[in-house]
């Protein structure tokens, strides 16, 4: 019985490796400051089946530094949204930054 399940399971694992990245990962450029510095907005999501997991300031700083390696200034956090899908709790935070 197990040998009949191996081929579909292996095919499923190979297919999972080919999934495209979600577009939520890419930051959106929502404008520029008066001095011409870009303003970006991005979303961070945390998930947990046991309870609400807040998005940490460290995770926000790490993501902002990926976008603006020379430095950034955070100008807003919005949308601390919590939703439950199939027993898993997701927490979303939208962060707006200005690159230095």
PDB file of N, CA and C in Angstrom:
ATOM      1  N   UNK A   1       0.820  -1.197   0.000  1.00  0.00           N
ATOM      2  CA  UNK A   1       0.000   0.000   0.000  1.00  0.00           C
ATOM      3  C   UNK A   1       0.864   1.262   0.000  1.00  0.00           C
ATOM      4  N   UNK A   2       1.935   1.232   0.758  1.00  0.00           N
ATOM      5  CA  UNK A   2       2.796   2.410   0.865  1.00  0.00           C
ATOM      6  C   UNK A   2       3.475   2.734  -0.462  1.00  0.00           C
ATOM      7  N   UNK A   3       3.838   1.697  -1.223  1.00  0.00           N
ATOM      8  CA  UNK A   3       4.512   1.961  -2.496  1.00  0.00           C
ATOM      9  C   UNK A   3       3.586   2.657  -3.486  1.00  0.00           C
ATOM     10  N   UNK A   4       2.271   2.500  -3.350  1.00  0.00           N
ATOM     11  CA  UNK A   4       1.329   3.184  -4.233  1.00  0.00           C
ATOM     12  C   UNK A   4       1.159   4.655  -3.854  1.00  0.00           C
ATOM     13  N   UNK A   5       1.462   4.986  -2.620  1.00  0.00           N
ATOM     14  CA  UNK A   5       1.343   6.374  -2.171  1.00  0.00           C
ATOM     15  C   UNK A   5       2.614   7.184  -2.410  1.00  0.00           C
ATOM     16  N   UNK A   6       3.733   6.520  -2.607  1.00  0.00           N
ATOM     17  CA  UNK A   6       5.007   7.230  -2.738  1.00  0.00           C
ATOM     18  C   UNK A   6       5.062   8.135  -3.965  1.00  0.00           C
ATOM     19  N   UNK A   7       4.598   7.671  -5.101  1.00  0.00           N
ATOM     20  CA  UNK A   7       4.679   8.485  -6.327  1.00  0.00           C
ATOM     21  C   UNK A   7       3.820   9.746  -6.211  1.00  0.00           C
ATOM     22  N   UNK A   8       2.556   9.659  -5.778  1.00  0.00           N
ATOM     23  CA  UNK A   8       1.783  10.908  -5.634  1.00  0.00           C
ATOM     24  C   UNK A   8       2.374  11.849  -4.578  1.00  0.00           C
ATOM     25  N   UNK A   9       2.900  11.305  -3.495  1.00  0.00           N
ATOM     26  CA  UNK A   9       3.502  12.156  -2.466  1.00  0.00           C
ATOM     27  C   UNK A   9       4.747  12.861  -2.987  1.00  0.00           C
ATOM     28  N   UNK A  10       5.587  12.149  -3.708  1.00  0.00           N
ATOM     29  CA  UNK A  10       6.794  12.768  -4.279  1.00  0.00           C
ATOM     30  C   UNK A  10       6.429  13.826  -5.313  1.00  0.00           C
ATOM     31  N   UNK A  11       5.423  13.553  -6.126  1.00  0.00           N
ATOM     32  CA  UNK A  11       4.991  14.538  -7.121  1.00  0.00           C
ATOM     33  C   UNK A  11       4.444  15.785  -6.434  1.00  0.00           C
ATOM     34  N   UNK A  12       3.747  15.592  -5.331  1.00  0.00           N
ATOM     35  CA  UNK A  12       3.225  16.734  -4.579  1.00  0.00           C
ATOM     36  C   UNK A  12       4.328  17.577  -3.982  1.00  0.00           C
ATOM     37  N   UNK A  13       5.376  16.945  -3.474  1.00  0.00           N
ATOM     38  CA  UNK A  13       6.502  17.692  -2.907  1.00  0.00           C
ATOM     39  C   UNK A  13       7.242  18.476  -3.979  1.00  0.00           C
ATOM     40  N   UNK A  14       7.415  17.898  -5.141  1.00  0.00           N
ATOM     41  CA  UNK A  14       8.076  18.604  -6.239  1.00  0.00           C
ATOM     42  C   UNK A  14       7.235  19.802  -6.668  1.00  0.00           C
ATOM     43  N   UNK A  15       5.924  19.635  -6.728  1.00  0.00           N
ATOM     44  CA  UNK A  15       5.040  20.734  -7.133  1.00  0.00           C
ATOM     45  C   UNK A  15       5.069  21.870  -6.119  1.00  0.00           C
ATOM     46  N   UNK A  16       5.192  21.554  -4.837  1.00  0.00           N
ATOM     47  CA  UNK A  16       5.246  22.602  -3.816  1.00  0.00           C
ATOM     48  C   UNK A  16       6.499  23.450  -3.953  1.00  0.00           C
ATOM     49  N   UNK A  17       7.572  22.881  -4.428  1.00  0.00           N
ATOM     50  CA  UNK A  17       8.797  23.641  -4.611  1.00  0.00           C
ATOM     51  C   UNK A  17       8.719  24.629  -5.751  1.00  0.00           C
ATOM     52  N   UNK A  18       7.751  24.468  -6.641  1.00  0.00           N
ATOM     53  CA  UNK A  18       7.608  25.353  -7.796  1.00  0.00           C
ATOM     54  C   UNK A  18       6.572  26.446  -7.598  1.00  0.00           C
ATOM     55  N   UNK A  19       6.039  26.595  -6.393  1.00  0.00           N
ATOM     56  CA  UNK A  19       5.034  27.623  -6.169  1.00  0.00           C
ATOM     57  C   UNK A  19       5.673  29.006  -6.242  1.00  0.00           C
ATOM     58  N   UNK A  20       5.028  29.958  -6.893  1.00  0.00           N
ATOM     59  CA  UNK A  20       5.593  31.311  -6.966  1.00  0.00           C
ATOM     60  C   UNK A  20       5.488  32.014  -5.622  1.00  0.00           C
ATOM     61  N   UNK A  21       6.358  32.997  -5.403  1.00  0.00           N
ATOM     62  CA  UNK A  21       6.275  33.780  -4.188  1.00  0.00           C
ATOM     63  C   UNK A  21       5.032  34.648  -4.242  1.00  0.00           C
ATOM     64  N   UNK A  22       4.484  34.926  -3.064  1.00  0.00           N
ATOM     65  CA  UNK A  22       3.305  35.774  -3.028  1.00  0.00           C
ATOM     66  C   UNK A  22       3.705  37.217  -3.287  1.00  0.00           C
ATOM     67  N   UNK A  23       2.782  37.977  -3.834  1.00  0.00           N
ATOM     68  CA  UNK A  23       3.078  39.367  -4.154  1.00  0.00           C
ATOM     69  C   UNK A  23       3.112  40.245  -2.910  1.00  0.00           C
ATOM     70  N   UNK A  24       2.625  39.741  -1.762  1.00  0.00           N
ATOM     71  CA  UNK A  24       2.666  40.530  -0.534  1.00  0.00           C
ATOM     72  C   UNK A  24       4.093  40.787  -0.075  1.00  0.00           C
ATOM     73  N   UNK A  25       5.020  39.972  -0.514  1.00  0.00           N
ATOM     74  CA  UNK A  25       6.406  40.122  -0.082  1.00  0.00           C
ATOM     75  C   UNK A  25       7.046  41.371  -0.681  1.00  0.00           C
ATOM     76  N   UNK A  26       6.651  41.736  -1.873  1.00  0.00           N
ATOM     77  CA  UNK A  26       7.244  42.896  -2.532  1.00  0.00           C
ATOM     78  C   UNK A  26       6.665  44.181  -1.935  1.00  0.00           C
ATOM     79  N   UNK A  27       7.529  45.144  -1.614  1.00  0.00           N
ATOM     80  CA  UNK A  27       7.019  46.415  -1.085  1.00  0.00           C
ATOM     81  C   UNK A  27       6.376  47.234  -2.195  1.00  0.00           C
ATOM     82  N   UNK A  28       5.431  48.063  -1.808  1.00  0.00           N
ATOM     83  CA  UNK A  28       4.799  48.969  -2.772  1.00  0.00           C
ATOM     84  C   UNK A  28       5.391  50.357  -2.585  1.00  0.00           C
ATOM     85  N   UNK A  29       5.807  50.972  -3.674  1.00  0.00           N
ATOM     86  CA  UNK A  29       6.261  52.361  -3.597  1.00  0.00           C
ATOM     87  C   UNK A  29       5.017  53.226  -3.729  1.00  0.00           C
ATOM     88  N   UNK A  30       4.685  53.946  -2.662  1.00  0.00           N
ATOM     89  CA  UNK A  30       3.430  54.701  -2.652  1.00  0.00           C
ATOM     90  C   UNK A  30       3.632  56.188  -2.906  1.00  0.00           C
ATOM     91  N   UNK A  31       4.878  56.607  -3.110  1.00  0.00           N
ATOM     92  CA  UNK A  31       5.112  58.013  -3.406  1.00  0.00           C
ATOM     93  C   UNK A  31       6.535  58.420  -3.103  1.00  0.00           C
ATOM     94  N   UNK A  32       6.730  59.727  -3.060  1.00  0.00           N
ATOM     95  CA  UNK A  32       8.032  60.296  -2.737  1.00  0.00           C
ATOM     96  C   UNK A  32       7.835  61.473  -1.803  1.00  0.00           C
ATOM     97  N   UNK A  33       8.880  61.766  -1.033  1.00  0.00           N
ATOM     98  CA  UNK A  33       8.848  62.949  -0.188  1.00  0.00           C
ATOM     99  C   UNK A  33       9.150  64.172  -1.047  1.00  0.00           C
ATOM    100  N   UNK A  34       9.084  65.335  -0.443  1.00  0.00           N
ATOM    101  CA  UNK A  34       9.389  66.570  -1.175  1.00  0.00           C
ATOM    102  C   UNK A  34      10.843  66.607  -1.628  1.00  0.00           C
ATOM    103  N   UNK A  35      11.708  65.887  -0.907  1.00  0.00           N
ATOM    104  CA  UNK A  35      13.126  65.850  -1.272  1.00  0.00           C
ATOM    105  C   UNK A  35      13.450  64.731  -2.250  1.00  0.00           C
ATOM    106  N   UNK A  36      12.450  63.957  -2.654  1.00  0.00           N
ATOM    107  CA  UNK A  36      12.654  62.910  -3.648  1.00  0.00           C
ATOM    108  C   UNK A  36      12.964  61.534  -3.086  1.00  0.00           C
ATOM    109  N   UNK A  37      12.881  61.365  -1.768  1.00  0.00           N
ATOM    110  CA  UNK A  37      13.135  60.046  -1.173  1.00  0.00           C
ATOM    111  C   UNK A  37      11.896  59.168  -1.354  1.00  0.00           C
ATOM    112  N   UNK A  38      12.096  57.888  -1.689  1.00  0.00           N
ATOM    113  CA  UNK A  38      10.938  57.011  -1.913  1.00  0.00           C
ATOM    114  C   UNK A  38      10.238  56.640  -0.607  1.00  0.00           C
ATOM    115  N   UNK A  39       8.920  56.511  -0.688  1.00  0.00           N
ATOM    116  CA  UNK A  39       8.095  56.077   0.440  1.00  0.00           C
ATOM    117  C   UNK A  39       7.544  54.704   0.085  1.00  0.00           C
ATOM    118  N   UNK A  40       7.814  53.718   0.940  1.00  0.00           N
ATOM    119  CA  UNK A  40       7.385  52.341   0.694  1.00  0.00           C
ATOM    120  C   UNK A  40       6.388  51.895   1.750  1.00  0.00           C
ATOM    121  N   UNK A  41       5.537  50.943   1.364  1.00  0.00           N
ATOM    122  CA  UNK A  41       4.642  50.288   2.301  1.00  0.00           C
ATOM    123  C   UNK A  41       4.756  48.782   2.087  1.00  0.00           C
ATOM    124  N   UNK A  42       4.828  48.039   3.186  1.00  0.00           N
ATOM    125  CA  UNK A  42       4.894  46.581   3.098  1.00  0.00           C
ATOM    126  C   UNK A  42       4.061  45.977   4.210  1.00  0.00           C
ATOM    127  N   UNK A  43       3.731  44.697   4.048  1.00  0.00           N
ATOM    128  CA  UNK A  43       2.906  43.978   5.020  1.00  0.00           C
ATOM    129  C   UNK A  43       3.706  42.820   5.596  1.00  0.00           C
ATOM    130  N   UNK A  44       3.627  42.686   6.910  1.00  0.00           N
ATOM    131  CA  UNK A  44       4.203  41.533   7.594  1.00  0.00           C
ATOM    132  C   UNK A  44       3.062  40.720   8.187  1.00  0.00           C
ATOM    133  N   UNK A  45       3.155  39.406   8.065  1.00  0.00           N
ATOM    134  CA  UNK A  45       2.123  38.505   8.568  1.00  0.00           C
ATOM    135  C   UNK A  45       2.763  37.483   9.492  1.00  0.00           C
ATOM    136  N   UNK A  46       2.139  37.242  10.600  1.00  0.00           N
ATOM    137  CA  UNK A  46       2.555  36.186  11.518  1.00  0.00           C
ATOM    138  C   UNK A  46       1.384  35.230  11.677  1.00  0.00           C
ATOM    139  N   UNK A  47       1.687  33.941  11.825  1.00  0.00           N
ATOM    140  CA  UNK A  47       0.624  32.949  11.983  1.00  0.00           C
ATOM    141  C   UNK A  47       0.974  32.008  13.123  1.00  0.00           C
ATOM    142  N   UNK A  48      -0.077  31.521  13.785  1.00  0.00           N
ATOM    143  CA  UNK A  48       0.102  30.613  14.896  1.00  0.00           C
ATOM    144  C   UNK A  48      -1.226  29.905  15.124  1.00  0.00           C
ATOM    145  N   UNK A  49      -1.176  28.630  15.398  1.00  0.00           N
ATOM    146  CA  UNK A  49      -2.399  27.874  15.661  1.00  0.00           C
ATOM    147  C   UNK A  49      -2.801  27.944  17.131  1.00  0.00           C
ATOM    148  N   UNK A  50      -1.905  28.421  17.994  1.00  0.00           N
ATOM    149  CA  UNK A  50      -2.173  28.411  19.431  1.00  0.00           C
ATOM    150  C   UNK A  50      -2.689  29.732  19.972  1.00  0.00           C
ATOM    151  N   UNK A  51      -2.485  30.823  19.264  1.00  0.00           N
ATOM    152  CA  UNK A  51      -2.950  32.117  19.747  1.00  0.00           C
ATOM    153  C   UNK A  51      -2.430  33.237  18.881  1.00  0.00           C
ATOM    154  N   UNK A  52      -2.746  34.453  19.286  1.00  0.00           N
ATOM    155  CA  UNK A  52      -2.341  35.627  18.518  1.00  0.00           C
ATOM    156  C   UNK A  52      -0.857  35.885  18.725  1.00  0.00           C
ATOM    157  N   UNK A  53      -0.123  36.023  17.627  1.00  0.00           N
ATOM    158  CA  UNK A  53       1.306  36.320  17.661  1.00  0.00           C
ATOM    159  C   UNK A  53       1.514  37.736  17.143  1.00  0.00           C
ATOM    160  N   UNK A  54       1.941  38.662  17.998  1.00  0.00           N
ATOM    161  CA  UNK A  54       2.164  40.024  17.503  1.00  0.00           C
ATOM    162  C   UNK A  54       3.383  40.087  16.587  1.00  0.00           C
ATOM    163  N   UNK A  55       3.372  41.036  15.672  1.00  0.00           N
ATOM    164  CA  UNK A  55       4.515  41.264  14.791  1.00  0.00           C
ATOM    165  C   UNK A  55       5.517  42.110  15.567  1.00  0.00           C
ATOM    166  N   UNK A  56       6.723  41.598  15.736  1.00  0.00           N
ATOM    167  CA  UNK A  56       7.712  42.278  16.573  1.00  0.00           C
ATOM    168  C   UNK A  56       8.356  43.452  15.854  1.00  0.00           C
ATOM    169  N   UNK A  57       8.859  44.390  16.647  1.00  0.00           N
ATOM    170  CA  UNK A  57       9.579  45.539  16.086  1.00  0.00           C
ATOM    171  C   UNK A  57      10.859  45.085  15.397  1.00  0.00           C
ATOM    172  N   UNK A  58      11.475  44.017  15.893  1.00  0.00           N
ATOM    173  CA  UNK A  58      12.679  43.478  15.261  1.00  0.00           C
ATOM    174  C   UNK A  58      12.408  42.949  13.867  1.00  0.00           C
ATOM    175  N   UNK A  59      11.263  42.286  13.692  1.00  0.00           N
ATOM    176  CA  UNK A  59      10.893  41.775  12.369  1.00  0.00           C
ATOM    177  C   UNK A  59      10.615  42.923  11.405  1.00  0.00           C
ATOM    178  N   UNK A  60       9.998  43.979  11.908  1.00  0.00           N
ATOM    179  CA  UNK A  60       9.731  45.150  11.066  1.00  0.00           C
ATOM    180  C   UNK A  60      11.044  45.809  10.667  1.00  0.00           C
ATOM    181  N   UNK A  61      11.968  45.946  11.617  1.00  0.00           N
ATOM    182  CA  UNK A  61      13.263  46.573  11.318  1.00  0.00           C
ATOM    183  C   UNK A  61      14.048  45.749  10.303  1.00  0.00           C
ATOM    184  N   UNK A  62      14.035  44.424  10.446  1.00  0.00           N
ATOM    185  CA  UNK A  62      14.772  43.565   9.513  1.00  0.00           C
ATOM    186  C   UNK A  62      14.209  43.689   8.100  1.00  0.00           C
ATOM    187  N   UNK A  63      12.888  43.706   7.973  1.00  0.00           N
ATOM    188  CA  UNK A  63      12.268  43.829   6.646  1.00  0.00           C
ATOM    189  C   UNK A  63      12.526  45.209   6.047  1.00  0.00           C
ATOM    190  N   UNK A  64      12.463  46.249   6.867  1.00  0.00           N
ATOM    191  CA  UNK A  64      12.705  47.606   6.370  1.00  0.00           C
ATOM    192  C   UNK A  64      14.146  47.763   5.894  1.00  0.00           C
ATOM    193  N   UNK A  65      15.088  47.127   6.581  1.00  0.00           N
ATOM    194  CA  UNK A  65      16.491  47.212   6.161  1.00  0.00           C
ATOM    195  C   UNK A  65      16.754  46.417   4.883  1.00  0.00           C
ATOM    196  N   UNK A  66      15.939  45.402   4.599  1.00  0.00           N
ATOM    197  CA  UNK A  66      16.043  44.708   3.311  1.00  0.00           C
ATOM    198  C   UNK A  66      15.648  45.645   2.173  1.00  0.00           C
ATOM    199  N   UNK A  67      14.655  46.478   2.420  1.00  0.00           N
ATOM    200  CA  UNK A  67      14.167  47.400   1.395  1.00  0.00           C
ATOM    201  C   UNK A  67      15.097  48.601   1.261  1.00  0.00           C
ATOM    202  N   UNK A  68      15.519  49.149   2.397  1.00  0.00           N
ATOM    203  CA  UNK A  68      16.372  50.350   2.421  1.00  0.00           C
ATOM    204  C   UNK A  68      17.661  50.030   3.179  1.00  0.00           C
ATOM    205  N   UNK A  69      18.668  49.451   2.525  1.00  0.00           N
ATOM    206  CA  UNK A  69      19.888  49.049   3.235  1.00  0.00           C
ATOM    207  C   UNK A  69      20.674  50.217   3.833  1.00  0.00           C
ATOM    208  N   UNK A  70      20.484  51.418   3.308  1.00  0.00           N
ATOM    209  CA  UNK A  70      21.224  52.570   3.843  1.00  0.00           C
ATOM    210  C   UNK A  70      20.531  53.202   5.037  1.00  0.00           C
ATOM    211  N   UNK A  71      19.357  52.742   5.380  1.00  0.00           N
ATOM    212  CA  UNK A  71      18.624  53.266   6.526  1.00  0.00           C
ATOM    213  C   UNK A  71      17.210  53.669   6.142  1.00  0.00           C
ATOM    214  N   UNK A  72      16.370  53.839   7.148  1.00  0.00           N
ATOM    215  CA  UNK A  72      14.969  54.159   6.910  1.00  0.00           C
ATOM    216  C   UNK A  72      14.415  54.918   8.110  1.00  0.00           C
ATOM    217  N   UNK A  73      13.256  55.511   7.903  1.00  0.00           N
ATOM    218  CA  UNK A  73      12.506  56.135   8.991  1.00  0.00           C
ATOM    219  C   UNK A  73      11.076  55.638   8.881  1.00  0.00           C
ATOM    220  N   UNK A  74      10.569  55.075   9.957  1.00  0.00           N
ATOM    221  CA  UNK A  74       9.203  54.555   9.953  1.00  0.00           C
ATOM    222  C   UNK A  74       8.238  55.714  10.177  1.00  0.00           C
ATOM    223  N   UNK A  75       7.234  55.812   9.315  1.00  0.00           N
ATOM    224  CA  UNK A  75       6.271  56.900   9.471  1.00  0.00           C
ATOM    225  C   UNK A  75       4.873  56.407   9.827  1.00  0.00           C
ATOM    226  N   UNK A  76       4.673  55.098   9.861  1.00  0.00           N
ATOM    227  CA  UNK A  76       3.363  54.623  10.271  1.00  0.00           C
ATOM    228  C   UNK A  76       3.223  53.117  10.268  1.00  0.00           C
ATOM    229  N   UNK A  77       2.362  52.654  11.183  1.00  0.00           N
ATOM    230  CA  UNK A  77       1.943  51.247  11.233  1.00  0.00           C
ATOM    231  C   UNK A  77       0.430  51.245  11.280  1.00  0.00           C
ATOM    232  N   UNK A  78      -0.167  50.488  10.405  1.00  0.00           N
ATOM    233  CA  UNK A  78      -1.627  50.417  10.386  1.00  0.00           C
ATOM    234  C   UNK A  78      -2.070  48.982  10.173  1.00  0.00           C
ATOM    235  N   UNK A  79      -3.334  48.754  10.451  1.00  0.00           N
ATOM    236  CA  UNK A  79      -3.965  47.500  10.083  1.00  0.00           C
ATOM    237  C   UNK A  79      -3.541  46.291  10.872  1.00  0.00           C
ATOM    238  N   UNK A  80      -3.445  46.394  12.178  1.00  0.00           N
ATOM    239  CA  UNK A  80      -3.157  45.209  12.986  1.00  0.00           C
ATOM    240  C   UNK A  80      -4.402  44.329  12.918  1.00  0.00           C
ATOM    241  N   UNK A  81      -4.506  43.572  11.841  1.00  0.00           N
ATOM    242  CA  UNK A  81      -5.691  42.768  11.559  1.00  0.00           C
ATOM    243  C   UNK A  81      -5.426  41.333  11.976  1.00  0.00           C
ATOM    244  N   UNK A  82      -6.373  40.742  12.655  1.00  0.00           N
ATOM    245  CA  UNK A  82      -6.262  39.345  13.049  1.00  0.00           C
ATOM    246  C   UNK A  82      -7.398  38.584  12.388  1.00  0.00           C
ATOM    247  N   UNK A  83      -7.059  37.482  11.714  1.00  0.00           N
ATOM    248  CA  UNK A  83      -8.070  36.654  11.068  1.00  0.00           C
ATOM    249  C   UNK A  83      -7.767  35.195  11.346  1.00  0.00           C
ATOM    250  N   UNK A  84      -8.793  34.377  11.269  1.00  0.00           N
ATOM    251  CA  UNK A  84      -8.642  32.946  11.529  1.00  0.00           C
ATOM    252  C   UNK A  84      -9.099  32.176  10.300  1.00  0.00           C
ATOM    253  N   UNK A  85      -8.206  31.306   9.798  1.00  0.00           N
ATOM    254  CA  UNK A  85      -8.526  30.470   8.648  1.00  0.00           C
ATOM    255  C   UNK A  85      -8.138  29.042   8.999  1.00  0.00           C
ATOM    256  N   UNK A  86      -9.096  28.151   8.997  1.00  0.00           N
ATOM    257  CA  UNK A  86      -8.874  26.724   9.277  1.00  0.00           C
ATOM    258  C   UNK A  86      -8.134  26.505  10.591  1.00  0.00           C
ATOM    259  N   UNK A  87      -8.480  27.263  11.605  1.00  0.00           N
ATOM    260  CA  UNK A  87      -7.883  27.083  12.919  1.00  0.00           C
ATOM    261  C   UNK A  87      -6.563  27.790  13.127  1.00  0.00           C
ATOM    262  N   UNK A  88      -6.022  28.425  12.102  1.00  0.00           N
ATOM    263  CA  UNK A  88      -4.759  29.151  12.225  1.00  0.00           C
ATOM    264  C   UNK A  88      -5.070  30.639  12.315  1.00  0.00           C
ATOM    265  N   UNK A  89      -4.450  31.321  13.286  1.00  0.00           N
ATOM    266  CA  UNK A  89      -4.674  32.747  13.490  1.00  0.00           C
ATOM    267  C   UNK A  89      -3.563  33.520  12.794  1.00  0.00           C
ATOM    268  N   UNK A  90      -3.931  34.451  11.920  1.00  0.00           N
ATOM    269  CA  UNK A  90      -2.986  35.289  11.178  1.00  0.00           C
ATOM    270  C   UNK A  90      -3.094  36.722  11.683  1.00  0.00           C
ATOM    271  N   UNK A  91      -1.949  37.375  11.871  1.00  0.00           N
ATOM    272  CA  UNK A  91      -1.898  38.779  12.259  1.00  0.00           C
ATOM    273  C   UNK A  91      -1.137  39.543  11.187  1.00  0.00           C
ATOM    274  N   UNK A  92      -1.752  40.587  10.626  1.00  0.00           N
ATOM    275  CA  UNK A  92      -1.149  41.399   9.566  1.00  0.00           C
ATOM    276  C   UNK A  92      -0.894  42.810  10.081  1.00  0.00           C
ATOM    277  N   UNK A  93       0.255  43.374   9.712  1.00  0.00           N
ATOM    278  CA  UNK A  93       0.580  44.766  10.014  1.00  0.00           C
ATOM    279  C   UNK A  93       1.131  45.402   8.746  1.00  0.00           C
ATOM    280  N   UNK A  94       0.589  46.557   8.363  1.00  0.00           N
ATOM    281  CA  UNK A  94       1.102  47.335   7.234  1.00  0.00           C
ATOM    282  C   UNK A  94       2.015  48.420   7.790  1.00  0.00           C
ATOM    283  N   UNK A  95       3.228  48.503   7.256  1.00  0.00           N
ATOM    284  CA  UNK A  95       4.230  49.453   7.734  1.00  0.00           C
ATOM    285  C   UNK A  95       4.605  50.380   6.585  1.00  0.00           C
ATOM    286  N   UNK A  96       4.704  51.681   6.880  1.00  0.00           N
ATOM    287  CA  UNK A  96       5.106  52.679   5.892  1.00  0.00           C
ATOM    288  C   UNK A  96       6.439  53.271   6.323  1.00  0.00           C
ATOM    289  N   UNK A  97       7.410  53.298   5.382  1.00  0.00           N
ATOM    290  CA  UNK A  97       8.752  53.797   5.692  1.00  0.00           C
ATOM    291  C   UNK A  97       9.227  54.754   4.603  1.00  0.00           C
ATOM    292  N   UNK A  98      10.206  55.584   4.988  1.00  0.00           N
ATOM    293  CA  UNK A  98      10.910  56.458   4.049  1.00  0.00           C
ATOM    294  C   UNK A  98      12.367  56.035   4.056  1.00  0.00           C
ATOM    295  N   UNK A  99      12.932  55.808   2.886  1.00  0.00           N
ATOM    296  CA  UNK A  99      14.350  55.452   2.799  1.00  0.00           C
ATOM    297  C   UNK A  99      15.212  56.680   3.066  1.00  0.00           C
ATOM    298  N   UNK A 100      16.338  56.442   3.729  1.00  0.00           N
ATOM    299  CA  UNK A 100      17.252  57.545   4.060  1.00  0.00           C
ATOM    300  C   UNK A 100      18.149  57.888   2.896  1.00  0.00           C
TER     301      UNK A 100
END
